[in-house]
N, C-alpha and C. Protein backbone atom coordinates (compact mmCIF):
# COMPACT_ATOMS: atom_id res chain seq x y z
N MET A 1 -12.89 35.73 -7.90
CA MET A 1 -13.54 34.69 -8.93
C MET A 1 -12.92 33.40 -8.46
N VAL A 2 -13.63 32.54 -8.54
CA VAL A 2 -13.01 31.25 -8.03
C VAL A 2 -12.13 30.18 -9.17
N ASP A 3 -11.09 30.12 -8.41
CA ASP A 3 -10.19 28.99 -9.68
C ASP A 3 -10.67 28.01 -9.23
N ILE A 4 -11.86 27.15 -10.81
CA ILE A 4 -11.74 25.70 -10.73
C ILE A 4 -10.90 24.75 -11.02
N LYS A 5 -9.87 25.38 -11.82
CA LYS A 5 -8.47 24.34 -11.74
C LYS A 5 -8.36 23.81 -10.45
N GLN A 6 -8.25 24.75 -9.43
CA GLN A 6 -7.33 24.77 -8.14
C GLN A 6 -8.43 23.35 -7.30
N TYR A 7 -9.89 23.42 -8.00
CA TYR A 7 -10.37 22.42 -7.31
C TYR A 7 -9.94 20.91 -7.74
N LEU A 8 -10.21 21.02 -9.14
CA LEU A 8 -10.24 19.91 -9.82
C LEU A 8 -8.41 19.20 -9.52
N SER A 9 -7.73 20.01 -9.12
CA SER A 9 -6.20 19.90 -8.78
C SER A 9 -6.00 18.89 -7.75
N GLU A 10 -6.97 19.72 -6.34
CA GLU A 10 -7.04 19.33 -5.39
C GLU A 10 -7.16 17.51 -5.24
N ALA A 11 -8.74 17.67 -6.11
CA ALA A 11 -9.44 16.10 -6.29
C ALA A 11 -8.61 15.32 -6.89
N GLU A 12 -7.87 15.66 -7.40
CA GLU A 12 -6.95 14.82 -8.50
C GLU A 12 -5.64 14.20 -7.37
N GLU A 13 -5.24 15.05 -6.83
CA GLU A 13 -4.31 14.86 -5.61
C GLU A 13 -4.70 13.88 -4.75
N LYS A 14 -5.89 14.66 -4.19
CA LYS A 14 -6.49 13.36 -3.23
C LYS A 14 -6.44 12.18 -3.89
N MET A 15 -6.97 11.79 -5.06
CA MET A 15 -7.13 10.32 -5.48
C MET A 15 -5.62 9.65 -5.51
N GLU A 16 -4.89 10.62 -5.94
CA GLU A 16 -3.83 10.03 -6.20
C GLU A 16 -2.80 9.52 -5.12
N MET A 17 -3.16 10.08 -4.16
CA MET A 17 -2.97 9.70 -2.80
C MET A 17 -3.70 8.53 -2.25
N ALA A 18 -4.61 8.41 -2.66
CA ALA A 18 -5.47 7.31 -2.39
C ALA A 18 -4.80 6.01 -2.87
N THR A 19 -4.80 6.37 -4.22
CA THR A 19 -4.08 5.20 -5.01
C THR A 19 -2.75 4.81 -4.59
N MET A 20 -2.34 5.06 -4.34
CA MET A 20 -0.44 5.85 -3.43
C MET A 20 -0.28 4.70 -2.56
N TYR A 21 -1.28 4.71 -1.65
CA TYR A 21 -1.33 4.32 -0.30
C TYR A 21 -1.89 3.04 -0.70
N LEU A 22 -3.01 2.43 -1.48
CA LEU A 22 -3.23 1.45 -1.90
C LEU A 22 -2.11 0.41 -2.43
N GLU A 23 -1.11 1.13 -3.00
CA GLU A 23 0.11 0.03 -3.63
C GLU A 23 0.90 -0.03 -2.73
N GLU A 24 1.00 0.76 -1.50
CA GLU A 24 1.98 0.60 -0.31
C GLU A 24 1.20 -0.56 0.11
N ALA A 25 -0.22 -0.40 0.99
CA ALA A 25 -1.09 -1.53 1.84
C ALA A 25 -1.13 -2.59 0.79
N LEU A 26 -0.81 -2.87 -0.52
CA LEU A 26 -1.11 -4.22 -1.35
C LEU A 26 0.51 -4.82 -1.16
N SER A 27 1.46 -4.06 -1.03
CA SER A 27 2.81 -4.27 -1.64
C SER A 27 3.19 -5.17 0.02
N ARG A 28 2.38 -5.13 0.72
CA ARG A 28 2.62 -5.37 2.48
C ARG A 28 1.83 -7.20 2.26
N ILE A 29 1.20 -7.03 1.66
CA ILE A 29 0.24 -8.52 1.82
C ILE A 29 1.04 -9.40 0.92
N ARG A 30 1.23 -10.14 1.80
CA ARG A 30 2.28 -11.68 1.05
C ARG A 30 1.59 -12.35 0.52
N ALA A 31 2.33 -12.61 -1.16
CA ALA A 31 1.51 -13.35 -2.10
C ALA A 31 2.72 -14.89 -2.42
N GLY A 32 3.31 -15.39 -1.39
CA GLY A 32 3.19 -16.54 -1.34
C GLY A 32 4.98 -16.17 -1.97
N ARG A 33 5.12 -15.50 -2.28
CA ARG A 33 6.64 -15.45 -2.66
C ARG A 33 7.58 -13.99 -2.15
N ALA A 34 8.59 -14.31 -2.03
CA ALA A 34 9.45 -13.60 -1.19
C ALA A 34 9.52 -12.13 -1.49
N ASN A 35 9.32 -10.87 -0.45
CA ASN A 35 9.18 -10.09 -1.05
C ASN A 35 9.54 -9.24 0.56
N ILE A 36 10.96 -8.39 0.45
CA ILE A 36 11.22 -7.61 1.98
C ILE A 36 10.41 -6.67 2.32
N HIS A 37 8.81 -6.30 1.33
CA HIS A 37 7.93 -5.01 1.77
C HIS A 37 6.92 -5.78 2.97
N ILE A 38 7.10 -7.58 3.27
CA ILE A 38 6.22 -7.94 4.28
C ILE A 38 6.96 -7.52 5.80
N LEU A 39 8.66 -7.17 5.63
CA LEU A 39 8.93 -6.90 6.75
C LEU A 39 8.98 -5.01 6.95
N ASP A 40 8.67 -4.37 6.20
CA ASP A 40 8.47 -2.73 6.44
C ASP A 40 7.48 -2.43 7.37
N ALA A 41 6.93 -3.19 8.07
CA ALA A 41 6.03 -2.53 9.64
C ALA A 41 7.21 -3.41 10.99
N VAL A 42 7.91 -4.26 10.77
CA VAL A 42 8.94 -4.52 11.77
C VAL A 42 9.55 -3.81 12.31
N ARG A 43 9.73 -3.63 13.61
CA ARG A 43 10.56 -2.17 14.15
C ARG A 43 11.46 -3.40 15.31
N VAL A 44 12.53 -2.89 15.32
CA VAL A 44 13.79 -3.69 15.94
C VAL A 44 14.25 -2.50 17.10
N GLU A 45 14.55 -2.82 18.46
CA GLU A 45 15.05 -2.03 19.56
C GLU A 45 16.16 -2.37 19.30
N SER A 46 17.32 -1.14 19.01
CA SER A 46 18.28 -0.48 18.63
C SER A 46 18.88 0.46 19.46
N TYR A 47 19.53 0.15 20.31
CA TYR A 47 20.47 1.21 20.97
C TYR A 47 18.91 2.20 22.05
N GLY A 48 18.26 1.29 22.42
CA GLY A 48 17.43 1.95 23.31
C GLY A 48 15.97 2.78 22.18
N GLN A 49 16.00 2.71 20.90
CA GLN A 49 14.95 2.85 20.28
C GLN A 49 14.77 1.52 19.17
N ASN A 50 13.22 2.03 18.91
CA ASN A 50 12.67 1.53 18.14
C ASN A 50 13.27 1.67 16.60
N VAL A 51 13.52 0.92 15.63
CA VAL A 51 13.86 1.48 14.32
C VAL A 51 13.48 0.54 13.78
N PRO A 52 13.13 0.76 11.67
CA PRO A 52 12.62 0.02 11.23
C PRO A 52 13.74 -1.14 11.23
N LEU A 53 13.48 -2.47 10.69
CA LEU A 53 14.25 -3.62 10.50
C LEU A 53 15.49 -3.29 9.45
N ASN A 54 15.09 -2.60 8.05
CA ASN A 54 16.19 -2.22 7.49
C ASN A 54 16.87 -1.37 7.69
N ASN A 55 17.16 -0.40 9.09
CA ASN A 55 17.81 0.27 9.49
C ASN A 55 19.07 -0.32 10.23
N VAL A 56 18.68 -1.45 10.72
CA VAL A 56 19.82 -2.22 11.13
C VAL A 56 20.38 -3.43 10.55
N ALA A 57 20.17 -3.80 9.60
CA ALA A 57 20.01 -4.78 8.39
C ALA A 57 19.99 -4.74 7.08
N SER A 58 20.47 -5.33 6.44
CA SER A 58 20.35 -5.06 5.43
C SER A 58 19.30 -6.33 4.63
N LEU A 59 18.44 -6.38 3.54
CA LEU A 59 17.05 -7.19 3.19
C LEU A 59 17.36 -7.57 1.47
N SER A 60 17.23 -9.04 1.08
CA SER A 60 17.95 -9.62 0.54
C SER A 60 16.96 -10.60 0.28
N THR A 61 16.62 -11.01 -1.25
CA THR A 61 15.94 -12.28 -1.36
C THR A 61 16.62 -12.70 -2.52
N PRO A 62 17.26 -13.86 -2.25
CA PRO A 62 18.26 -14.57 -2.64
C PRO A 62 17.48 -15.64 -3.69
N ASP A 63 15.87 -16.05 -3.29
CA ASP A 63 15.13 -17.00 -4.54
C ASP A 63 13.68 -16.58 -4.21
N ALA A 64 13.05 -16.93 -4.63
CA ALA A 64 11.60 -17.20 -4.64
C ALA A 64 10.88 -17.10 -3.51
N ARG A 65 11.61 -17.98 -2.78
CA ARG A 65 10.96 -18.26 -1.15
C ARG A 65 11.77 -18.09 -0.14
N THR A 66 12.89 -17.21 -0.33
CA THR A 66 13.97 -17.16 0.76
C THR A 66 13.84 -15.37 1.04
N ILE A 67 13.44 -14.58 2.42
CA ILE A 67 14.15 -13.64 2.39
C ILE A 67 15.54 -13.59 3.29
N ALA A 68 16.18 -13.03 2.99
CA ALA A 68 17.97 -12.55 3.75
C ALA A 68 18.24 -11.69 4.56
N ILE A 69 18.11 -11.64 5.80
CA ILE A 69 18.53 -10.36 6.84
C ILE A 69 20.01 -10.53 6.97
N LYS A 70 20.69 -9.47 6.52
CA LYS A 70 21.83 -9.77 7.13
C LYS A 70 22.68 -8.20 7.96
N PRO A 71 22.27 -8.73 9.46
CA PRO A 71 22.30 -7.53 10.47
C PRO A 71 23.82 -6.66 10.36
N TRP A 72 23.93 -5.41 10.04
CA TRP A 72 25.22 -5.13 10.30
C TRP A 72 26.05 -5.41 11.44
N ASP A 73 25.57 -5.14 11.89
CA ASP A 73 26.18 -5.49 13.50
C ASP A 73 25.57 -6.72 14.15
N LYS A 74 26.34 -7.36 14.84
CA LYS A 74 26.55 -8.67 15.38
C LYS A 74 25.73 -9.08 16.36
N SER A 75 25.49 -8.57 17.54
CA SER A 75 24.88 -7.91 18.33
C SER A 75 23.34 -7.91 18.14
N MET A 76 23.05 -7.63 17.20
CA MET A 76 21.51 -7.10 16.82
C MET A 76 20.62 -8.63 16.29
N PHE A 77 21.65 -9.50 16.02
CA PHE A 77 20.62 -11.42 15.69
C PHE A 77 19.41 -11.18 16.77
N LYS A 78 19.62 -11.54 18.21
CA LYS A 78 18.67 -11.66 19.11
C LYS A 78 17.36 -10.71 19.34
N PRO A 79 17.96 -9.10 18.86
CA PRO A 79 16.66 -8.33 18.97
C PRO A 79 15.80 -8.24 17.12
N ILE A 80 16.62 -8.72 16.16
CA ILE A 80 16.08 -8.71 14.90
C ILE A 80 14.99 -9.95 14.95
N GLU A 81 15.51 -11.06 15.72
CA GLU A 81 14.65 -12.30 15.57
C GLU A 81 13.58 -12.40 16.16
N LYS A 82 13.89 -11.25 17.41
CA LYS A 82 12.65 -11.48 18.56
C LYS A 82 11.53 -10.27 18.07
N ALA A 83 12.09 -9.39 17.34
CA ALA A 83 11.26 -8.83 16.41
C ALA A 83 10.52 -8.96 15.61
N ILE A 84 10.98 -9.87 15.07
CA ILE A 84 9.99 -11.15 13.51
C ILE A 84 9.06 -11.48 14.43
N ILE A 85 9.39 -12.39 15.28
CA ILE A 85 8.81 -13.39 15.67
C ILE A 85 7.41 -12.71 16.67
N ASN A 86 7.75 -11.22 17.18
CA ASN A 86 6.64 -10.60 17.82
C ASN A 86 5.86 -10.04 16.73
N SER A 87 6.04 -10.10 15.44
CA SER A 87 5.55 -9.41 14.52
C SER A 87 4.60 -10.11 14.04
N SER A 88 3.61 -9.47 13.01
CA SER A 88 2.43 -9.89 12.51
C SER A 88 3.08 -10.75 11.10
N VAL A 89 4.15 -10.99 10.72
CA VAL A 89 4.72 -11.55 9.73
C VAL A 89 4.45 -12.94 9.52
N GLY A 90 4.35 -13.88 11.08
CA GLY A 90 3.97 -15.34 10.76
C GLY A 90 4.81 -16.15 10.40
N ILE A 91 6.15 -15.69 10.34
CA ILE A 91 7.07 -16.60 9.99
C ILE A 91 8.62 -16.57 10.94
N MET A 92 8.91 -17.92 11.35
CA MET A 92 9.83 -18.02 12.45
C MET A 92 11.55 -18.10 11.50
N PRO A 93 12.13 -17.43 12.07
CA PRO A 93 13.46 -16.87 11.53
C PRO A 93 14.69 -17.95 11.47
N GLU A 94 15.17 -17.98 10.96
CA GLU A 94 16.11 -19.17 11.09
C GLU A 94 17.63 -18.48 11.23
N ASN A 95 18.57 -18.89 12.13
CA ASN A 95 19.76 -18.23 12.31
C ASN A 95 21.07 -19.18 12.29
N ASN A 96 21.46 -18.79 11.44
CA ASN A 96 22.80 -19.39 11.51
C ASN A 96 24.30 -18.76 11.26
N GLY A 97 23.98 -17.77 12.40
CA GLY A 97 25.19 -16.86 12.85
C GLY A 97 25.77 -15.87 11.92
N GLU A 98 25.15 -15.83 10.95
CA GLU A 98 25.88 -14.71 9.86
C GLU A 98 24.43 -13.95 9.08
N ILE A 99 23.32 -14.86 8.94
CA ILE A 99 22.24 -14.52 7.93
C ILE A 99 21.42 -15.04 8.92
N ILE A 100 20.47 -14.20 8.82
CA ILE A 100 18.87 -14.71 9.56
C ILE A 100 18.46 -15.20 8.09
N ARG A 101 17.52 -16.47 7.80
CA ARG A 101 16.53 -16.91 7.09
C ARG A 101 15.33 -16.46 6.97
N LEU A 102 14.30 -16.16 6.17
CA LEU A 102 13.15 -16.33 6.54
C LEU A 102 12.38 -17.21 5.13
N GLY A 103 12.19 -18.54 5.67
CA GLY A 103 11.64 -19.16 4.51
C GLY A 103 10.34 -19.11 4.22
N ILE A 104 9.59 -18.09 3.34
CA ILE A 104 8.57 -18.34 3.00
C ILE A 104 7.45 -19.32 2.64
N PRO A 105 6.66 -19.98 3.18
CA PRO A 105 6.01 -20.96 3.08
C PRO A 105 4.82 -21.14 1.86
N PRO A 106 4.88 -21.92 1.34
CA PRO A 106 3.60 -21.86 0.09
C PRO A 106 2.21 -21.88 0.93
N LEU A 107 1.83 -20.62 -0.21
CA LEU A 107 0.49 -20.43 0.31
C LEU A 107 -1.07 -21.55 -0.28
N THR A 108 -1.62 -21.79 0.83
CA THR A 108 -3.03 -22.94 0.43
C THR A 108 -3.73 -22.25 -0.12
N GLU A 109 -4.57 -23.04 -0.88
CA GLU A 109 -5.92 -22.49 -1.62
C GLU A 109 -6.85 -21.12 -1.31
N GLU A 110 -6.95 -21.71 0.56
CA GLU A 110 -8.03 -21.40 1.24
C GLU A 110 -7.83 -19.46 1.84
N ARG A 111 -6.25 -19.72 2.05
CA ARG A 111 -5.40 -18.64 2.33
C ARG A 111 -4.99 -17.47 1.21
N ARG A 112 -5.18 -17.99 0.09
CA ARG A 112 -4.83 -17.44 -1.18
C ARG A 112 -6.21 -16.24 -1.50
N ARG A 113 -7.38 -17.09 -0.82
CA ARG A 113 -8.54 -16.68 -1.08
C ARG A 113 -8.92 -15.56 0.00
N ASP A 114 -8.28 -15.61 0.80
CA ASP A 114 -8.36 -14.71 2.08
C ASP A 114 -7.66 -14.14 2.04
N LEU A 115 -6.49 -13.49 1.40
CA LEU A 115 -5.57 -13.05 0.64
C LEU A 115 -6.61 -11.52 -0.21
N THR A 116 -7.09 -12.39 -1.28
CA THR A 116 -7.62 -11.56 -1.87
C THR A 116 -8.74 -11.09 -1.87
N LYS A 117 -9.50 -11.53 -0.60
CA LYS A 117 -10.35 -10.68 -0.22
C LYS A 117 -9.92 -9.65 0.94
N GLN A 118 -9.11 -9.40 1.27
CA GLN A 118 -7.77 -8.62 2.26
C GLN A 118 -7.70 -7.45 1.06
N CYS A 119 -7.15 -7.90 -0.20
CA CYS A 119 -6.95 -6.79 -1.64
C CYS A 119 -8.05 -6.38 -1.76
N ALA A 120 -9.45 -7.06 -1.86
CA ALA A 120 -10.84 -6.38 -2.30
C ALA A 120 -10.56 -5.64 -0.91
N LYS A 121 -10.66 -5.04 0.20
CA LYS A 121 -11.24 -4.41 1.31
C LYS A 121 -10.15 -3.59 0.91
N GLU A 122 -9.03 -3.38 0.94
CA GLU A 122 -8.07 -2.22 0.87
C GLU A 122 -8.27 -1.76 -0.34
N GLY A 123 -9.02 -2.09 -1.64
CA GLY A 123 -9.34 -1.33 -2.95
C GLY A 123 -11.07 -0.44 -2.59
N GLU A 124 -11.60 -1.20 -1.99
CA GLU A 124 -12.63 -0.57 -1.39
C GLU A 124 -12.51 0.63 -1.19
N THR A 125 -11.49 0.53 0.35
CA THR A 125 -10.98 1.61 0.94
C THR A 125 -10.71 2.94 -0.24
N ALA A 126 -9.77 2.54 -0.81
CA ALA A 126 -8.89 3.29 -2.23
C ALA A 126 -10.45 4.21 -2.60
N LYS A 127 -10.83 3.47 -3.17
CA LYS A 127 -12.46 3.51 -3.71
C LYS A 127 -13.32 4.61 -3.50
N ILE A 128 -13.47 4.42 -2.04
CA ILE A 128 -13.94 5.49 -1.13
C ILE A 128 -13.86 6.64 -1.04
N SER A 129 -12.16 6.58 -0.35
CA SER A 129 -11.33 7.61 -0.81
C SER A 129 -11.53 8.41 -2.13
N ILE A 130 -11.19 8.00 -3.04
CA ILE A 130 -11.54 8.63 -4.46
C ILE A 130 -12.91 9.12 -4.77
N ARG A 131 -13.37 8.20 -4.01
CA ARG A 131 -15.22 9.07 -4.89
C ARG A 131 -15.25 10.09 -3.65
N ASN A 132 -15.00 10.08 -2.56
CA ASN A 132 -15.30 11.10 -1.55
C ASN A 132 -14.21 12.45 -2.25
N ALA A 133 -13.61 11.76 -2.59
CA ALA A 133 -12.83 13.23 -3.44
C ALA A 133 -13.37 14.02 -4.12
N ARG A 134 -14.10 13.43 -5.32
CA ARG A 134 -14.84 13.73 -6.19
C ARG A 134 -15.93 14.51 -5.80
N ARG A 135 -16.52 14.04 -4.53
CA ARG A 135 -18.03 14.45 -4.26
C ARG A 135 -17.41 15.88 -3.42
N ASP A 136 -16.15 15.81 -2.68
CA ASP A 136 -15.97 17.44 -2.11
C ASP A 136 -16.21 18.50 -3.19
N ALA A 137 -15.31 18.09 -4.43
CA ALA A 137 -14.64 18.97 -5.58
C ALA A 137 -15.93 19.50 -6.18
N ILE A 138 -17.27 18.16 -6.41
CA ILE A 138 -18.28 18.83 -6.71
C ILE A 138 -19.24 19.71 -5.98
N GLU A 139 -18.96 19.53 -5.11
CA GLU A 139 -19.34 20.32 -4.09
C GLU A 139 -18.66 21.85 -3.79
N LYS A 140 -17.77 21.97 -4.06
CA LYS A 140 -17.14 23.26 -3.95
C LYS A 140 -17.48 23.97 -5.19
N LEU A 141 -17.56 22.61 -6.43
CA LEU A 141 -18.04 23.59 -7.57
C LEU A 141 -19.57 23.83 -7.68
N LYS A 142 -20.29 23.63 -7.09
CA LYS A 142 -21.59 23.58 -6.72
C LYS A 142 -21.65 25.10 -6.50
N LYS A 143 -20.91 25.37 -5.25
CA LYS A 143 -21.00 26.75 -4.67
C LYS A 143 -20.19 27.95 -5.27
N SER A 144 -19.46 27.47 -5.82
CA SER A 144 -18.88 28.84 -7.15
C SER A 144 -19.63 29.05 -7.58
N VAL A 145 -20.47 28.33 -8.02
CA VAL A 145 -21.83 29.13 -9.25
C VAL A 145 -22.39 30.33 -8.38
N LYS A 146 -22.55 30.26 -6.88
CA LYS A 146 -23.19 31.01 -5.88
C LYS A 146 -22.19 32.10 -6.07
N ASP A 147 -20.41 32.21 -6.32
CA ASP A 147 -19.98 33.21 -6.35
C ASP A 147 -19.57 33.81 -7.55
N GLY A 148 -20.44 33.17 -8.69
CA GLY A 148 -20.17 34.03 -9.83
C GLY A 148 -19.57 33.51 -11.38
N VAL A 149 -19.64 32.22 -10.74
CA VAL A 149 -18.62 30.96 -11.83
C VAL A 149 -19.99 30.63 -12.94
N PRO A 150 -19.71 30.39 -13.86
CA PRO A 150 -21.08 30.68 -15.10
C PRO A 150 -21.49 28.98 -15.03
N GLU A 151 -22.94 28.59 -15.21
CA GLU A 151 -22.99 27.07 -14.67
C GLU A 151 -22.50 26.25 -15.45
N ASP A 152 -22.40 26.74 -17.01
CA ASP A 152 -22.05 25.93 -18.14
C ASP A 152 -20.06 25.13 -17.98
N VAL A 153 -19.36 26.55 -16.78
CA VAL A 153 -18.12 26.32 -16.83
C VAL A 153 -18.24 25.19 -15.60
N GLU A 154 -19.23 25.41 -14.53
CA GLU A 154 -19.42 24.33 -13.41
C GLU A 154 -19.77 23.00 -14.01
N LYS A 155 -20.54 23.16 -14.87
CA LYS A 155 -20.70 21.69 -15.38
C LYS A 155 -19.80 21.16 -16.12
N ASP A 156 -19.03 21.59 -17.18
CA ASP A 156 -17.91 21.14 -17.48
C ASP A 156 -16.42 20.89 -16.67
N ALA A 157 -16.47 21.78 -15.71
CA ALA A 157 -15.91 20.89 -14.54
C ALA A 157 -16.40 19.47 -14.16
N GLU A 158 -17.52 19.64 -13.48
CA GLU A 158 -17.78 18.23 -13.12
C GLU A 158 -17.78 17.08 -14.24
N THR A 159 -17.85 17.48 -15.28
CA THR A 159 -17.27 16.18 -16.15
C THR A 159 -15.89 15.78 -16.53
N GLU A 160 -15.14 16.44 -16.18
CA GLU A 160 -13.58 17.03 -15.82
C GLU A 160 -13.53 15.92 -14.73
N CYS A 161 -13.93 16.23 -13.67
CA CYS A 161 -13.80 15.40 -11.89
C CYS A 161 -14.29 14.06 -12.41
N GLN A 162 -15.45 14.13 -13.24
CA GLN A 162 -15.62 12.36 -13.17
C GLN A 162 -15.00 11.63 -14.00
N LYS A 163 -14.27 12.50 -15.22
CA LYS A 163 -13.54 11.84 -16.05
C LYS A 163 -11.95 11.48 -14.90
N ILE A 164 -11.40 12.37 -14.31
CA ILE A 164 -10.40 11.83 -13.60
C ILE A 164 -10.81 10.96 -12.57
N HIS A 165 -12.00 10.70 -11.90
CA HIS A 165 -12.39 9.90 -10.93
C HIS A 165 -12.45 8.81 -11.63
N ASP A 166 -13.07 8.64 -12.69
CA ASP A 166 -12.83 7.30 -13.66
C ASP A 166 -11.34 6.75 -13.89
N LYS A 167 -10.90 7.59 -13.85
CA LYS A 167 -9.25 7.57 -14.41
C LYS A 167 -8.52 6.54 -13.11
N TYR A 168 -9.13 7.24 -11.79
CA TYR A 168 -8.40 6.79 -10.65
C TYR A 168 -9.23 5.48 -10.00
N VAL A 169 -10.23 5.07 -10.51
CA VAL A 169 -10.62 3.93 -10.30
C VAL A 169 -10.40 2.75 -10.76
N LYS A 170 -9.88 3.07 -12.19
CA LYS A 170 -9.72 2.21 -12.99
C LYS A 170 -8.36 1.73 -12.91
N LYS A 171 -7.48 2.58 -12.46
CA LYS A 171 -6.23 2.34 -11.89
C LYS A 171 -6.02 1.10 -10.67
N THR A 172 -7.07 1.63 -9.66
CA THR A 172 -7.13 0.85 -8.43
C THR A 172 -7.54 -0.57 -8.72
N ASP A 173 -8.28 -0.80 -9.69
CA ASP A 173 -9.17 -2.05 -10.35
C ASP A 173 -7.75 -3.04 -10.54
N ALA A 174 -6.94 -1.84 -11.62
CA ALA A 174 -6.10 -2.50 -12.06
C ALA A 174 -4.95 -3.05 -11.44
N LEU A 175 -4.78 -2.26 -10.20
CA LEU A 175 -3.69 -3.01 -8.96
C LEU A 175 -4.35 -3.58 -8.33
N ILE A 176 -5.76 -4.05 -8.18
CA ILE A 176 -6.27 -5.08 -7.17
C ILE A 176 -5.85 -6.43 -7.94
N GLU A 177 -6.36 -6.19 -9.64
CA GLU A 177 -6.45 -7.11 -10.72
C GLU A 177 -4.56 -7.97 -10.44
N ALA A 178 -3.97 -6.91 -10.52
CA ALA A 178 -2.51 -7.41 -10.65
C ALA A 178 -2.32 -8.04 -9.42
N LYS A 179 -2.48 -7.66 -8.27
CA LYS A 179 -2.17 -8.41 -6.92
C LYS A 179 -3.03 -9.64 -6.42
N ASN A 180 -4.10 -9.86 -7.15
CA ASN A 180 -4.93 -11.12 -6.66
C ASN A 180 -4.24 -11.86 -8.10
N LYS A 181 -3.54 -11.36 -8.91
CA LYS A 181 -3.17 -12.67 -10.26
C LYS A 181 -2.08 -13.31 -9.75
N GLU A 182 -1.19 -12.34 -9.05
CA GLU A 182 0.09 -12.54 -8.25
C GLU A 182 -0.16 -13.32 -6.78
N ILE A 183 -1.09 -13.19 -6.27
CA ILE A 183 -1.47 -14.23 -5.08
C ILE A 183 -2.13 -15.36 -5.94
N MET A 184 -2.86 -15.40 -6.81
CA MET A 184 -3.56 -16.77 -7.03
C MET A 184 -2.56 -17.58 -8.02
N THR A 185 -1.52 -17.01 -8.34
CA THR A 185 -0.30 -17.58 -9.17
C THR A 185 0.35 -18.71 -8.47
N VAL A 186 0.53 -20.02 -8.59
CA VAL A 186 1.29 -20.99 -7.95
C VAL A 186 2.40 -21.56 -8.23
C-alpha cells in the first residue's frame, strides 16, 4: 500500500525549500538601506583560503546608510577591501585604519523599478518550483491508484495538495510584496 501522506509531506517540504530560497535571495537584494546580507557572497583571501567575509570580520549597521566592517586581524584590511571592490556589491569601501565603512547610496527611481523586477523574477522562480512540487505529487498520487489506492482517497489527496500549493504561493506573494514595499520606500 502506498503512503499518500508521504507524497504530500514531500511536496510540502519542496515548497518550503522554495520559499526559504526566495527569502534568502530577497535578503541579498539591496533596498537602499544598510543590510549586512548584501555581503554574504563576498569571499576574502585569508591564510591561503577563500572564506566568507563574516569569518574574518564583524559586520554591523551603525545607521540606516552605513555598514561597518571591523576586521579581527589588522592585516586583513587590504584583502577585505580588495574582495569588496571585486565583488558585485558595487560600493567603494572607505578605510580609516580601524573600521572599513560602506556608505549605502540612495536608490534612484529607475534602480528601484529594476530591483522590483528582479524580485518578481526571483518570486517567479520560487513559484515554478512550488508548481513543480505540486505536479510531481499529483503524478505520484495518480500512479498510486494503479497500486490499489481508492480514487476518492486520491482525489482528496489532490485537493489537499492544491491547498498546500495555494498556501505557499500566497506566502511567496507576501514575501515579494514586502520586499517591493521596502525597496520603494524612500
